[in-house]
Amino acid sequence: WNDIEHIEEAFCGFHKSLVDFAHQMFDEIYLFEIPNHLRNYIDYEKYAQDLHYSGYFFCNENGEGGMVFNSNF
């Protein structure tokens, strides 16, 4: 990235892990579409892996969490 504006657009927030981010993102997108009794069957680790393959990445800063970016910006 050559431009601070692109970094700001790509920044997705601070999270404990990419899996933590995936869990939050999934819940925001599908909150009302998936019944509560089926939520235990969601594989958030697999979803995080799919996000990684589609351009999201996690920068671990201090071992307690880090930043998530979307490289598609």
PDB file of N, CA and C in Angstrom:
ATOM      1  N   TRP A   1       0.842  -1.174   0.000  1.00  0.00           N
ATOM      2  CA  TRP A   1       0.000   0.000   0.000  1.00  0.00           C
ATOM      3  C   TRP A   1       0.878   1.225   0.000  1.00  0.00           C
ATOM      4  N   ASN A   2       0.587   2.135  -0.861  1.00  0.00           N
ATOM      5  CA  ASN A   2       1.366   3.352  -0.968  1.00  0.00           C
ATOM      6  C   ASN A   2       0.699   4.530  -0.308  1.00  0.00           C
ATOM      7  N   ASP A   3      -0.502   4.368   0.099  1.00  0.00           N
ATOM      8  CA  ASP A   3      -1.288   5.503   0.512  1.00  0.00           C
ATOM      9  C   ASP A   3      -1.974   5.216   1.846  1.00  0.00           C
ATOM     10  N   ILE A   4      -1.872   6.146   2.769  1.00  0.00           N
ATOM     11  CA  ILE A   4      -2.493   5.968   4.099  1.00  0.00           C
ATOM     12  C   ILE A   4      -4.008   5.797   3.975  1.00  0.00           C
ATOM     13  N   GLU A   5      -4.605   6.405   2.971  1.00  0.00           N
ATOM     14  CA  GLU A   5      -6.047   6.276   2.775  1.00  0.00           C
ATOM     15  C   GLU A   5      -6.435   4.822   2.501  1.00  0.00           C
ATOM     16  N   HIS A   6      -5.632   4.108   1.737  1.00  0.00           N
ATOM     17  CA  HIS A   6      -5.920   2.701   1.466  1.00  0.00           C
ATOM     18  C   HIS A   6      -5.799   1.859   2.736  1.00  0.00           C
ATOM     19  N   ILE A   7      -4.849   2.202   3.573  1.00  0.00           N
ATOM     20  CA  ILE A   7      -4.695   1.478   4.833  1.00  0.00           C
ATOM     21  C   ILE A   7      -5.924   1.689   5.707  1.00  0.00           C
ATOM     22  N   GLU A   8      -6.402   2.923   5.755  1.00  0.00           N
ATOM     23  CA  GLU A   8      -7.590   3.213   6.555  1.00  0.00           C
ATOM     24  C   GLU A   8      -8.808   2.474   6.025  1.00  0.00           C
ATOM     25  N   GLU A   9      -8.947   2.391   4.698  1.00  0.00           N
ATOM     26  CA  GLU A   9     -10.074   1.673   4.106  1.00  0.00           C
ATOM     27  C   GLU A   9      -9.969   0.172   4.358  1.00  0.00           C
ATOM     28  N   ALA A  10      -8.757  -0.346   4.359  1.00  0.00           N
ATOM     29  CA  ALA A  10      -8.541  -1.783   4.538  1.00  0.00           C
ATOM     30  C   ALA A  10      -8.652  -2.218   5.994  1.00  0.00           C
ATOM     31  N   PHE A  11      -8.497  -1.290   6.922  1.00  0.00           N
ATOM     32  CA  PHE A  11      -8.502  -1.612   8.352  1.00  0.00           C
ATOM     33  C   PHE A  11      -9.888  -2.065   8.792  1.00  0.00           C
ATOM     34  N   CYS A  12      -9.958  -3.236   9.434  1.00  0.00           N
ATOM     35  CA  CYS A  12     -11.230  -3.809   9.883  1.00  0.00           C
ATOM     36  C   CYS A  12     -11.355  -3.842  11.402  1.00  0.00           C
ATOM     37  N   GLY A  13     -10.386  -3.289  12.113  1.00  0.00           N
ATOM     38  CA  GLY A  13     -10.487  -3.205  13.556  1.00  0.00           C
ATOM     39  C   GLY A  13      -9.503  -4.082  14.301  1.00  0.00           C
ATOM     40  N   PHE A  14      -9.531  -3.940  15.622  1.00  0.00           N
ATOM     41  CA  PHE A  14      -8.703  -4.735  16.518  1.00  0.00           C
ATOM     42  C   PHE A  14      -9.500  -5.937  16.995  1.00  0.00           C
ATOM     43  N   HIS A  15      -8.887  -7.103  16.950  1.00  0.00           N
ATOM     44  CA  HIS A  15      -9.558  -8.338  17.347  1.00  0.00           C
ATOM     45  C   HIS A  15      -8.557  -9.269  18.017  1.00  0.00           C
ATOM     46  N   LYS A  16      -9.060 -10.233  18.757  1.00  0.00           N
ATOM     47  CA  LYS A  16      -8.185 -11.214  19.415  1.00  0.00           C
ATOM     48  C   LYS A  16      -7.514 -12.123  18.408  1.00  0.00           C
ATOM     49  N   SER A  17      -8.202 -12.400  17.296  1.00  0.00           N
ATOM     50  CA  SER A  17      -7.690 -13.295  16.260  1.00  0.00           C
ATOM     51  C   SER A  17      -8.536 -13.105  15.013  1.00  0.00           C
ATOM     52  N   LEU A  18      -8.123 -13.741  13.931  1.00  0.00           N
ATOM     53  CA  LEU A  18      -8.939 -13.707  12.720  1.00  0.00           C
ATOM     54  C   LEU A  18     -10.232 -14.481  12.940  1.00  0.00           C
ATOM     55  N   VAL A  19     -10.193 -15.501  13.770  1.00  0.00           N
ATOM     56  CA  VAL A  19     -11.403 -16.266  14.093  1.00  0.00           C
ATOM     57  C   VAL A  19     -12.386 -15.386  14.871  1.00  0.00           C
ATOM     58  N   ASP A  20     -11.876 -14.590  15.787  1.00  0.00           N
ATOM     59  CA  ASP A  20     -12.722 -13.652  16.537  1.00  0.00           C
ATOM     60  C   ASP A  20     -13.388 -12.663  15.581  1.00  0.00           C
ATOM     61  N   PHE A  21     -12.618 -12.151  14.637  1.00  0.00           N
ATOM     62  CA  PHE A  21     -13.166 -11.250  13.625  1.00  0.00           C
ATOM     63  C   PHE A  21     -14.224 -11.962  12.780  1.00  0.00           C
ATOM     64  N   ALA A  22     -13.939 -13.198  12.367  1.00  0.00           N
ATOM     65  CA  ALA A  22     -14.879 -13.970  11.555  1.00  0.00           C
ATOM     66  C   ALA A  22     -16.194 -14.181  12.304  1.00  0.00           C
ATOM     67  N   HIS A  23     -16.097 -14.477  13.583  1.00  0.00           N
ATOM     68  CA  HIS A  23     -17.295 -14.678  14.409  1.00  0.00           C
ATOM     69  C   HIS A  23     -18.133 -13.403  14.425  1.00  0.00           C
ATOM     70  N   GLN A  24     -17.505 -12.261  14.656  1.00  0.00           N
ATOM     71  CA  GLN A  24     -18.220 -10.989  14.696  1.00  0.00           C
ATOM     72  C   GLN A  24     -18.821 -10.659  13.329  1.00  0.00           C
ATOM     73  N   MET A  25     -18.037 -10.827  12.283  1.00  0.00           N
ATOM     74  CA  MET A  25     -18.513 -10.512  10.935  1.00  0.00           C
ATOM     75  C   MET A  25     -19.693 -11.403  10.543  1.00  0.00           C
ATOM     76  N   PHE A  26     -19.582 -12.692  10.819  1.00  0.00           N
ATOM     77  CA  PHE A  26     -20.657 -13.630  10.496  1.00  0.00           C
ATOM     78  C   PHE A  26     -21.936 -13.230  11.225  1.00  0.00           C
ATOM     79  N   ASP A  27     -21.807 -12.917  12.505  1.00  0.00           N
ATOM     80  CA  ASP A  27     -22.986 -12.542  13.283  1.00  0.00           C
ATOM     81  C   ASP A  27     -23.630 -11.261  12.764  1.00  0.00           C
ATOM     82  N   GLU A  28     -22.818 -10.307  12.322  1.00  0.00           N
ATOM     83  CA  GLU A  28     -23.372  -9.064  11.787  1.00  0.00           C
ATOM     84  C   GLU A  28     -24.115  -9.293  10.478  1.00  0.00           C
ATOM     85  N   ILE A  29     -23.590 -10.199   9.658  1.00  0.00           N
ATOM     86  CA  ILE A  29     -24.198 -10.445   8.346  1.00  0.00           C
ATOM     87  C   ILE A  29     -25.428 -11.335   8.457  1.00  0.00           C
ATOM     88  N   TYR A  30     -25.334 -12.393   9.260  1.00  0.00           N
ATOM     89  CA  TYR A  30     -26.375 -13.420   9.278  1.00  0.00           C
ATOM     90  C   TYR A  30     -27.178 -13.466  10.574  1.00  0.00           C
ATOM     91  N   LEU A  31     -27.152 -12.410  11.346  1.00  0.00           N
ATOM     92  CA  LEU A  31     -27.784 -12.390  12.665  1.00  0.00           C
ATOM     93  C   LEU A  31     -29.228 -12.887  12.647  1.00  0.00           C
ATOM     94  N   PHE A  32     -30.013 -12.421  11.709  1.00  0.00           N
ATOM     95  CA  PHE A  32     -31.433 -12.763  11.713  1.00  0.00           C
ATOM     96  C   PHE A  32     -31.772 -13.919  10.779  1.00  0.00           C
ATOM     97  N   GLU A  33     -30.790 -14.438  10.062  1.00  0.00           N
ATOM     98  CA  GLU A  33     -31.054 -15.502   9.105  1.00  0.00           C
ATOM     99  C   GLU A  33     -30.838 -16.899   9.681  1.00  0.00           C
ATOM    100  N   ILE A  34     -30.011 -17.020  10.709  1.00  0.00           N
ATOM    101  CA  ILE A  34     -29.687 -18.331  11.278  1.00  0.00           C
ATOM    102  C   ILE A  34     -30.346 -18.434  12.655  1.00  0.00           C
ATOM    103  N   PRO A  35     -31.202 -19.419  12.854  1.00  0.00           N
ATOM    104  CA  PRO A  35     -31.824 -19.590  14.170  1.00  0.00           C
ATOM    105  C   PRO A  35     -30.769 -19.892  15.249  1.00  0.00           C
ATOM    106  N   ASN A  36     -31.041 -19.463  16.458  1.00  0.00           N
ATOM    107  CA  ASN A  36     -30.098 -19.651  17.568  1.00  0.00           C
ATOM    108  C   ASN A  36     -29.718 -21.110  17.782  1.00  0.00           C
ATOM    109  N   HIS A  37     -30.662 -22.021  17.619  1.00  0.00           N
ATOM    110  CA  HIS A  37     -30.365 -23.437  17.882  1.00  0.00           C
ATOM    111  C   HIS A  37     -29.408 -24.039  16.847  1.00  0.00           C
ATOM    112  N   LEU A  38     -29.169 -23.343  15.742  1.00  0.00           N
ATOM    113  CA  LEU A  38     -28.234 -23.842  14.726  1.00  0.00           C
ATOM    114  C   LEU A  38     -26.855 -23.174  14.804  1.00  0.00           C
ATOM    115  N   ARG A  39     -26.709 -22.155  15.620  1.00  0.00           N
ATOM    116  CA  ARG A  39     -25.450 -21.410  15.696  1.00  0.00           C
ATOM    117  C   ARG A  39     -24.291 -22.259  16.220  1.00  0.00           C
ATOM    118  N   ASN A  40     -24.582 -23.284  17.008  1.00  0.00           N
ATOM    119  CA  ASN A  40     -23.509 -24.149  17.513  1.00  0.00           C
ATOM    120  C   ASN A  40     -22.839 -24.955  16.407  1.00  0.00           C
ATOM    121  N   TYR A  41     -23.464 -25.034  15.254  1.00  0.00           N
ATOM    122  CA  TYR A  41     -22.929 -25.826  14.150  1.00  0.00           C
ATOM    123  C   TYR A  41     -22.070 -25.003  13.183  1.00  0.00           C
ATOM    124  N   ILE A  42     -21.968 -23.723  13.416  1.00  0.00           N
ATOM    125  CA  ILE A  42     -21.179 -22.856  12.533  1.00  0.00           C
ATOM    126  C   ILE A  42     -19.695 -23.039  12.851  1.00  0.00           C
ATOM    127  N   ASP A  43     -18.926 -23.293  11.839  1.00  0.00           N
ATOM    128  CA  ASP A  43     -17.481 -23.487  11.978  1.00  0.00           C
ATOM    129  C   ASP A  43     -16.780 -22.155  11.699  1.00  0.00           C
ATOM    130  N   TYR A  44     -16.582 -21.365  12.757  1.00  0.00           N
ATOM    131  CA  TYR A  44     -15.983 -20.038  12.613  1.00  0.00           C
ATOM    132  C   TYR A  44     -14.522 -20.116  12.184  1.00  0.00           C
ATOM    133  N   GLU A  45     -13.835 -21.182  12.547  1.00  0.00           N
ATOM    134  CA  GLU A  45     -12.445 -21.343  12.104  1.00  0.00           C
ATOM    135  C   GLU A  45     -12.389 -21.531  10.591  1.00  0.00           C
ATOM    136  N   LYS A  46     -13.299 -22.306  10.045  1.00  0.00           N
ATOM    137  CA  LYS A  46     -13.360 -22.493   8.597  1.00  0.00           C
ATOM    138  C   LYS A  46     -13.741 -21.184   7.909  1.00  0.00           C
ATOM    139  N   TYR A  47     -14.675 -20.461   8.498  1.00  0.00           N
ATOM    140  CA  TYR A  47     -15.083 -19.172   7.942  1.00  0.00           C
ATOM    141  C   TYR A  47     -13.902 -18.206   7.954  1.00  0.00           C
ATOM    142  N   ALA A  48     -13.118 -18.199   9.027  1.00  0.00           N
ATOM    143  CA  ALA A  48     -11.922 -17.352   9.099  1.00  0.00           C
ATOM    144  C   ALA A  48     -10.924 -17.748   8.021  1.00  0.00           C
ATOM    145  N   GLN A  49     -10.794 -19.033   7.776  1.00  0.00           N
ATOM    146  CA  GLN A  49      -9.896 -19.507   6.720  1.00  0.00           C
ATOM    147  C   GLN A  49     -10.374 -19.004   5.354  1.00  0.00           C
ATOM    148  N   ASP A  50     -11.659 -19.046   5.116  1.00  0.00           N
ATOM    149  CA  ASP A  50     -12.212 -18.524   3.862  1.00  0.00           C
ATOM    150  C   ASP A  50     -11.969 -17.023   3.733  1.00  0.00           C
ATOM    151  N   LEU A  51     -12.124 -16.296   4.840  1.00  0.00           N
ATOM    152  CA  LEU A  51     -11.843 -14.865   4.817  1.00  0.00           C
ATOM    153  C   LEU A  51     -10.378 -14.616   4.477  1.00  0.00           C
ATOM    154  N   HIS A  52      -9.496 -15.411   5.060  1.00  0.00           N
ATOM    155  CA  HIS A  52      -8.064 -15.277   4.775  1.00  0.00           C
ATOM    156  C   HIS A  52      -7.792 -15.488   3.284  1.00  0.00           C
ATOM    157  N   TYR A  53      -8.368 -16.523   2.715  1.00  0.00           N
ATOM    158  CA  TYR A  53      -8.165 -16.813   1.296  1.00  0.00           C
ATOM    159  C   TYR A  53      -8.753 -15.729   0.395  1.00  0.00           C
ATOM    160  N   SER A  54      -9.738 -15.001   0.905  1.00  0.00           N
ATOM    161  CA  SER A  54     -10.344 -13.945   0.095  1.00  0.00           C
ATOM    162  C   SER A  54      -9.696 -12.578   0.319  1.00  0.00           C
ATOM    163  N   GLY A  55      -8.640 -12.525   1.154  1.00  0.00           N
ATOM    164  CA  GLY A  55      -7.894 -11.277   1.271  1.00  0.00           C
ATOM    165  C   GLY A  55      -7.807 -10.651   2.646  1.00  0.00           C
ATOM    166  N   TYR A  56      -8.442 -11.219   3.634  1.00  0.00           N
ATOM    167  CA  TYR A  56      -8.335 -10.684   4.992  1.00  0.00           C
ATOM    168  C   TYR A  56      -7.101 -11.268   5.665  1.00  0.00           C
ATOM    169  N   PHE A  57      -6.436 -10.449   6.474  1.00  0.00           N
ATOM    170  CA  PHE A  57      -5.295 -10.977   7.220  1.00  0.00           C
ATOM    171  C   PHE A  57      -5.194 -10.309   8.582  1.00  0.00           C
ATOM    172  N   PHE A  58      -4.560 -11.022   9.473  1.00  0.00           N
ATOM    173  CA  PHE A  58      -4.440 -10.629  10.874  1.00  0.00           C
ATOM    174  C   PHE A  58      -2.988 -10.288  11.173  1.00  0.00           C
ATOM    175  N   CYS A  59      -2.758  -9.123  11.742  1.00  0.00           N
ATOM    176  CA  CYS A  59      -1.418  -8.703  12.171  1.00  0.00           C
ATOM    177  C   CYS A  59      -1.381  -8.736  13.684  1.00  0.00           C
ATOM    178  N   ASN A  60      -0.684  -9.707  14.235  1.00  0.00           N
ATOM    179  CA  ASN A  60      -0.604  -9.862  15.680  1.00  0.00           C
ATOM    180  C   ASN A  60       0.437  -8.903  16.230  1.00  0.00           C
ATOM    181  N   GLU A  61      -0.010  -7.993  17.072  1.00  0.00           N
ATOM    182  CA  GLU A  61       0.874  -6.970  17.587  1.00  0.00           C
ATOM    183  C   GLU A  61       1.568  -7.377  18.880  1.00  0.00           C
ATOM    184  N   ASN A  62       0.840  -7.937  19.799  1.00  0.00           N
ATOM    185  CA  ASN A  62       1.416  -8.139  21.127  1.00  0.00           C
ATOM    186  C   ASN A  62       1.068  -9.482  21.764  1.00  0.00           C
ATOM    187  N   GLY A  63       0.531 -10.401  21.018  1.00  0.00           N
ATOM    188  CA  GLY A  63       0.158 -11.691  21.564  1.00  0.00           C
ATOM    189  C   GLY A  63      -1.212 -11.699  22.210  1.00  0.00           C
ATOM    190  N   GLU A  64      -1.794 -10.540  22.437  1.00  0.00           N
ATOM    191  CA  GLU A  64      -3.123 -10.460  23.053  1.00  0.00           C
ATOM    192  C   GLU A  64      -4.182 -10.032  22.051  1.00  0.00           C
ATOM    193  N   GLY A  65      -3.792  -9.798  20.845  1.00  0.00           N
ATOM    194  CA  GLY A  65      -4.712  -9.347  19.819  1.00  0.00           C
ATOM    195  C   GLY A  65      -3.945  -8.604  18.757  1.00  0.00           C
ATOM    196  N   GLY A  66      -4.651  -8.163  17.764  1.00  0.00           N
ATOM    197  CA  GLY A  66      -4.000  -7.445  16.690  1.00  0.00           C
ATOM    198  C   GLY A  66      -5.015  -6.800  15.778  1.00  0.00           C
ATOM    199  N   MET A  67      -4.551  -6.432  14.600  1.00  0.00           N
ATOM    200  CA  MET A  67      -5.389  -5.722  13.647  1.00  0.00           C
ATOM    201  C   MET A  67      -5.740  -6.641  12.483  1.00  0.00           C
ATOM    202  N   VAL A  68      -6.947  -6.454  11.973  1.00  0.00           N
ATOM    203  CA  VAL A  68      -7.390  -7.185  10.793  1.00  0.00           C
ATOM    204  C   VAL A  68      -7.496  -6.188   9.648  1.00  0.00           C
ATOM    205  N   PHE A  69      -6.981  -6.609   8.497  1.00  0.00           N
ATOM    206  CA  PHE A  69      -7.034  -5.792   7.284  1.00  0.00           C
ATOM    207  C   PHE A  69      -7.641  -6.607   6.153  1.00  0.00           C
ATOM    208  N   ASN A  70      -8.243  -5.912   5.203  1.00  0.00           N
ATOM    209  CA  ASN A  70      -8.745  -6.521   3.980  1.00  0.00           C
ATOM    210  C   ASN A  70      -7.855  -6.026   2.850  1.00  0.00           C
ATOM    211  N   SER A  71      -7.061  -6.903   2.258  1.00  0.00           N
ATOM    212  CA  SER A  71      -6.101  -6.502   1.235  1.00  0.00           C
ATOM    213  C   SER A  71      -6.738  -6.181  -0.108  1.00  0.00           C
ATOM    214  N   ASN A  72      -8.042  -6.289  -0.220  1.00  0.00           N
ATOM    215  CA  ASN A  72      -8.721  -5.994  -1.476  1.00  0.00           C
ATOM    216  C   ASN A  72      -8.961  -4.506  -1.698  1.00  0.00           C
ATOM    217  N   PHE A  73      -8.542  -3.673  -0.762  1.00  0.00           N
ATOM    218  CA  PHE A  73      -8.698  -2.221  -0.934  1.00  0.00           C
ATOM    219  C   PHE A  73      -7.458  -1.638  -1.521  1.00  0.00           C
TER     220      PHE A  73
END
